[in-house]
Every structure is written in structure tokens, then in C-alpha cells.
Protein backbone atom coordinates (compact mmCIF):
# COMPACT_ATOMS: atom_id res chain seq x y z
CA MET A 1 147.45 98.59 133.57
CA PRO A 2 144.33 97.04 131.81
CA ARG A 3 142.38 94.37 133.87
CA PRO A 4 142.94 90.84 132.54
CA LEU A 5 140.39 88.65 130.80
CA LEU A 6 139.55 85.75 133.20
CA ILE A 7 139.76 82.28 131.59
CA ILE A 8 138.09 79.51 133.59
CA GLN A 9 139.04 75.94 132.90
CA HIS A 10 137.09 73.06 134.33
CA ILE A 11 139.71 70.56 133.27
CA THR A 12 143.32 70.91 132.10
CA HIS A 13 142.91 69.46 128.56
CA GLU A 14 140.04 71.72 127.57
CA GLY A 15 142.12 74.86 126.88
CA LEU A 16 141.68 77.94 124.83
CA GLY A 17 142.61 76.28 121.41
CA LEU A 18 141.80 78.72 118.61
CA LEU A 19 140.81 81.52 121.02
CA ALA A 20 144.43 81.80 122.22
CA LYS A 21 145.40 83.08 118.77
CA VAL A 22 142.91 85.91 118.95
CA LEU A 23 143.89 87.05 122.33
CA GLU A 24 147.51 87.07 121.22
CA GLU A 25 146.63 88.97 117.96
CA TYR A 26 144.81 91.72 119.97
CA ASN A 27 147.26 91.68 122.91
CA VAL A 28 144.51 90.97 125.39
CA PRO A 29 145.97 90.37 128.84
CA SER A 30 144.48 87.17 130.47
CA SER A 31 144.68 85.11 133.53
CA THR A 32 143.82 81.48 133.54
CA VAL A 33 142.35 79.59 136.40
CA ASP A 34 142.17 75.75 136.31
CA LEU A 35 139.53 74.55 138.67
CA SER A 36 140.60 70.93 138.25
CA LYS A 37 143.80 71.69 139.93
CA GLY A 38 142.11 73.22 142.98
CA GLU A 39 142.94 76.87 141.96
CA PRO A 40 140.31 79.23 143.44
CA TYR A 41 137.82 81.11 141.37
CA PRO A 42 138.81 84.84 141.74
CA ASP A 43 136.53 87.78 142.15
CA PRO A 44 135.22 88.36 138.64
CA ARG A 45 134.91 92.09 139.26
CA GLY A 46 138.63 92.40 138.99
CA HIS A 47 138.58 91.33 135.34
CA SER A 48 137.51 92.73 131.95
CA GLY A 49 135.39 89.81 131.21
CA VAL A 50 135.17 86.04 131.67
CA ILE A 51 135.43 83.20 129.28
CA THR A 52 134.43 79.69 130.72
CA LEU A 53 135.44 76.57 128.96
CA GLY A 54 133.94 73.14 128.91
CA GLY A 55 134.60 69.98 131.06
CA PRO A 56 133.19 66.68 132.22
CA GLN A 57 131.34 68.00 135.22
CA SER A 58 127.72 68.95 135.41
CA ALA A 59 126.26 72.34 136.48
CA ASN A 60 124.02 70.23 138.61
CA ASP A 61 126.97 69.02 140.84
CA LYS A 62 126.42 69.92 144.53
CA THR A 63 130.24 70.18 145.05
CA ALA A 64 131.65 73.24 146.82
CA LYS A 65 133.63 73.97 143.67
CA MET A 66 130.37 74.15 141.47
CA LEU A 67 128.46 76.10 143.92
CA VAL A 68 131.18 78.76 144.23
CA GLU A 69 131.28 78.96 140.43
CA LEU A 70 127.53 79.50 140.12
CA ASP A 71 127.75 82.14 142.84
CA ASN A 72 130.49 84.04 140.90
CA ILE A 73 128.48 83.79 137.63
CA ARG A 74 125.54 85.37 139.51
CA ILE A 75 127.88 88.29 140.36
CA ILE A 76 128.89 88.47 136.64
CA LEU A 77 125.20 88.80 135.75
CA GLN A 78 124.36 91.32 138.39
CA GLU A 79 127.63 93.45 137.49
CA ASN A 80 127.06 93.20 133.79
CA ILE A 81 130.50 91.71 133.27
CA PRO A 82 131.20 90.37 129.74
CA TYR A 83 130.83 86.52 129.70
CA LEU A 84 131.17 83.99 127.18
CA GLY A 85 130.49 80.27 128.12
CA ILE A 86 131.39 77.33 126.02
CA CYS A 87 129.62 73.96 126.57
CA LEU A 88 129.70 73.42 130.34
CA GLY A 89 130.36 77.10 130.53
CA MET A 90 127.08 77.75 128.78
CA GLN A 91 125.21 75.23 131.17
CA THR A 92 126.58 77.01 134.22
CA LEU A 93 125.49 80.42 133.00
CA VAL A 94 121.89 79.13 132.41
CA LYS A 95 121.94 77.45 135.81
CA ALA A 96 123.15 80.60 137.56
CA ALA A 97 120.47 82.67 135.71
CA GLY A 98 117.64 80.33 137.07
CA GLY A 99 117.49 77.90 134.24
CA THR A 100 117.56 74.10 134.30
CA VAL A 101 120.24 71.75 133.18
CA THR A 102 118.99 68.30 132.04
CA ALA A 103 119.98 65.37 129.95
CA CYS A 104 119.95 65.68 126.13
CA PRO A 105 117.24 63.56 124.43
CA THR A 106 120.00 62.80 121.98
CA LYS A 107 123.65 63.05 123.09
CA GLU A 108 125.63 65.06 120.63
CA THR A 109 129.18 63.94 119.81
CA GLY A 110 131.44 64.99 116.99
CA PHE A 111 130.72 66.52 113.69
CA PHE A 112 127.62 64.51 112.58
CA GLY A 113 124.40 63.60 114.26
CA PRO A 114 123.14 60.13 114.54
CA ASP A 115 121.08 60.58 111.37
CA GLY A 116 124.33 61.33 109.38
CA SER A 117 123.59 65.12 109.08
CA PRO A 118 126.20 67.64 109.94
CA PHE A 119 125.85 69.26 113.21
CA THR A 120 124.87 72.84 112.64
CA VAL A 121 123.28 75.71 114.60
CA ASN A 122 120.78 78.11 112.98
CA LEU A 123 120.43 81.63 114.19
CA THR A 124 117.05 82.85 115.34
CA PRO A 125 115.59 86.11 114.09
CA GLU A 126 116.95 87.60 117.32
CA GLY A 127 120.28 86.00 116.84
CA SER A 128 120.64 87.23 113.36
CA LYS A 129 120.52 90.74 114.73
CA ASN A 130 122.99 90.24 117.61
CA PRO A 131 126.45 91.59 117.15
CA LEU A 132 128.10 88.39 118.51
CA PHE A 133 127.41 87.06 114.96
CA ASN A 134 128.56 90.08 112.77
CA ASN A 135 130.10 88.89 109.56
CA LEU A 136 128.76 85.48 109.83
CA GLY A 137 126.00 83.48 108.05
CA SER A 138 122.76 82.25 109.58
CA THR A 139 123.77 78.45 109.65
CA LEU A 140 127.07 77.51 111.26
CA ARG A 141 128.95 74.10 111.32
CA VAL A 142 129.94 73.07 114.66
CA PHE A 143 131.57 70.40 116.76
CA GLN A 144 129.55 69.01 119.61
CA LEU A 145 130.62 67.06 122.90
CA HIS A 146 127.97 67.10 125.55
CA GLY A 147 125.26 64.87 127.16
CA GLU A 148 123.35 67.53 128.87
CA THR A 149 121.24 70.53 127.59
CA VAL A 150 119.35 73.51 129.03
CA ILE A 151 115.89 74.71 129.69
CA LEU A 152 115.96 78.57 129.58
CA PRO A 153 114.54 80.88 132.30
CA LYS A 154 112.26 83.73 131.03
CA GLU A 155 115.02 86.30 131.27
CA THR A 156 117.26 84.70 128.67
CA SER A 157 117.13 84.99 124.77
CA LEU A 158 117.53 82.14 122.36
CA LEU A 159 120.03 83.24 119.71
CA ALA A 160 120.46 79.88 117.76
CA THR A 161 118.95 76.39 117.67
CA GLY A 162 120.01 72.91 116.70
CA LYS A 163 118.25 69.83 115.33
CA PHE A 164 118.62 67.59 118.30
CA CYS A 165 119.25 69.73 121.39
CA LYS A 166 117.32 72.94 120.52
CA ASN A 167 118.79 75.52 122.79
CA GLN A 168 122.31 76.01 121.40
CA ILE A 169 123.31 79.59 121.77
CA ILE A 170 121.77 81.94 124.41
CA LYS A 171 122.00 85.50 125.86
CA ALA A 172 121.47 85.69 129.57
CA ALA A 173 122.23 89.36 130.21
CA ASN A 174 123.25 92.46 128.19
CA ARG A 175 126.79 91.00 127.70
CA ALA A 176 126.51 87.37 128.84
CA TYR A 177 126.42 84.61 126.24
CA GLY A 178 126.47 80.87 126.16
CA ILE A 179 127.33 78.46 123.36
CA GLN A 180 126.65 74.85 123.70
CA SER A 181 129.03 73.61 120.94
CA HIS A 182 132.74 73.92 120.71
CA PHE A 183 133.97 76.58 118.29
CA GLU A 184 137.54 76.80 119.79
CA LEU A 185 138.71 73.35 118.33
CA THR A 186 142.18 73.03 116.86
CA SER A 187 143.98 69.97 115.37
CA GLU A 188 146.00 69.80 118.61
CA LEU A 189 142.96 69.94 120.90
CA LEU A 190 141.08 67.42 118.77
CA LEU A 191 144.01 64.81 119.00
CA SER A 192 144.13 65.41 122.74
CA TRP A 193 140.53 64.95 123.34
CA LEU A 194 140.58 61.77 121.12
CA SER A 195 143.01 60.31 123.58
CA ILE A 196 141.06 61.14 126.64
CA ASP A 197 137.32 61.43 126.00
CA ARG A 198 135.36 58.09 126.14
CA ASP A 199 132.45 59.43 123.97
CA LEU A 200 134.83 60.38 121.19
CA GLN A 201 136.73 57.10 121.38
CA LYS A 202 133.53 55.39 120.53
CA LEU A 203 133.75 56.97 117.10
CA ASN A 204 136.21 56.44 114.19
CA LYS A 205 139.26 58.37 115.00
CA LYS A 206 140.51 58.77 111.45
CA GLN A 207 137.09 59.81 110.28
CA LEU A 208 136.82 62.49 112.98
CA ILE A 209 140.22 63.87 111.91
CA ASP A 210 139.19 63.97 108.32
CA ASN A 211 135.87 65.43 109.13
CA PHE A 212 137.74 68.33 110.95
CA ARG A 213 140.09 68.83 108.01
CA ASP A 214 137.25 69.15 105.60
CA ILE A 215 135.60 72.00 107.42
CA GLN A 216 138.66 73.45 109.23
CA ALA A 217 138.95 76.68 107.22
CA ASP A 218 135.20 77.74 107.64
CA TYR A 219 135.15 76.38 111.25
CA GLU A 220 138.31 78.60 112.17
CA LYS A 221 136.73 81.57 110.38
CA THR A 222 133.53 81.15 112.51
CA GLY A 223 135.38 80.74 115.87
CA THR A 224 137.70 83.58 115.24
CA ALA A 225 134.80 85.89 114.27
CA ILE A 226 132.64 84.91 117.38
CA LEU A 227 135.53 85.64 119.77
CA LYS A 228 136.46 88.95 118.17
CA ASN A 229 132.82 89.94 118.21
CA PHE A 230 132.63 89.01 121.81
CA LEU A 231 135.64 91.06 122.63
CA HIS A 232 134.10 94.06 120.81
CA VAL A 233 130.68 93.64 122.37
CA GLY A 234 132.31 93.46 125.86
CA GLU A 235 134.45 96.48 125.07
CA ILE A 236 137.48 94.48 125.88
CA ILE A 237 139.21 95.60 122.65
């Protein structure tokens, strides 16, 4: 029996979203652990790879739960286990790799920046060559929801940059990636987050929904391609 892909949730409402469809399409067995429910972080060495989702916590938290997570990510890096971290999952990756997590100079929320320009990430020359972005362009529209950013250690590579928070997509080991933005969003997830997240609630709900509908086709194409590429890079499919 193939080893399952480990899904780490930091909080229940930040689920797989769009990513669930891809795992179903490729019949990838998975095991989901919700840390917010007190479920223990299992040994990552028993899994084909790890996808870590976002959440309201900080990688700088000194809780036992966060310290255990960082220790497990260090094992992931040492053992070259495929890893994909989204938002907080990216920040915990950088922290475990020896980097720094700090406040964003400009908090990024929604689909547009404070100057009215769309949130995008732009691939670096190294990112353009990375197989994580096969069949994608060099500029990607994204959804942002974070107040912290990262300072990279020397061992990591910067694959994509943003206008406000520079370090947007990184590679910390041969098969370990972190993405600051959310590319897993679905209409259902967006509505759920709008009912819970205080930063999103400061924005116009109808406008956010309309913004998503305007880019949904391209957004879903991007998210689907990134996950499929990750599964190929990690030899999970």
C-alpha cells in the first residue's frame, strides 16, 4: 500500500479547497491532521510528502505545538521529504530552515494591494527554470491573507517576488517549497473565510466575491498546475 500524503491543518476552516480535487483526480491517498483540534503531528517519514496549510498562528510562537511542528519540518528537510507550505506553512518552513519570520511592512489582504494594483507574484530567473512552475507564465495573480513575511537563510532560493512583501515563493531544499500566497482558494473557502477572518471582514464582501469570480478560471488553472507539478517533483504521482 502506498504511503499517504500528510496534510497539516493549523485551523479547521483552512482546508485543502482546490487541492482536494487534484488529489482525488490522481487517486493520491492522504491523511489529514488538524493541529487546532489537538491532533498530534505524526512522523513525516511515514508519508510520501507533506502539505502544510495556513492559519492564524505565528511560526514565532513558543507553544509546544509550534515547537513540535518546527522539529518535524527539520526532519523533513534532513530526509528530503517533499514539502509544500502555504502561507503559515511557508513561514514555518523558513523558520525551521534557519530563517526569520517578521511583520510585513505592508499587510497583504485580498486580491488587490493598498495602491489598487492586483496582487501578483513574479518568478525570478531561478523560479522560471523550476519545475514547480511548468506550464505557467512568469506573473501569477494571487490571493493574499497574511501579516508576516520572511527573511531567508542562505541555504534557500527565492523563486518569486511580490511588490509589497518581497519573498513570496521559496525553495528550502531539493523538494521543499513555500508559497506565501493562497492558491487553493475556492468559492466555498472564500465564503467561509469571509465569515471568520477579521482582516477580510474589513474589506467589501461583495467586491471580494466579484474579484474572485473575475479571475477564477486563471486562478484555478494556476493552483491546479502548481499542485500537479509538486506531486510530480516529489515523485508522489
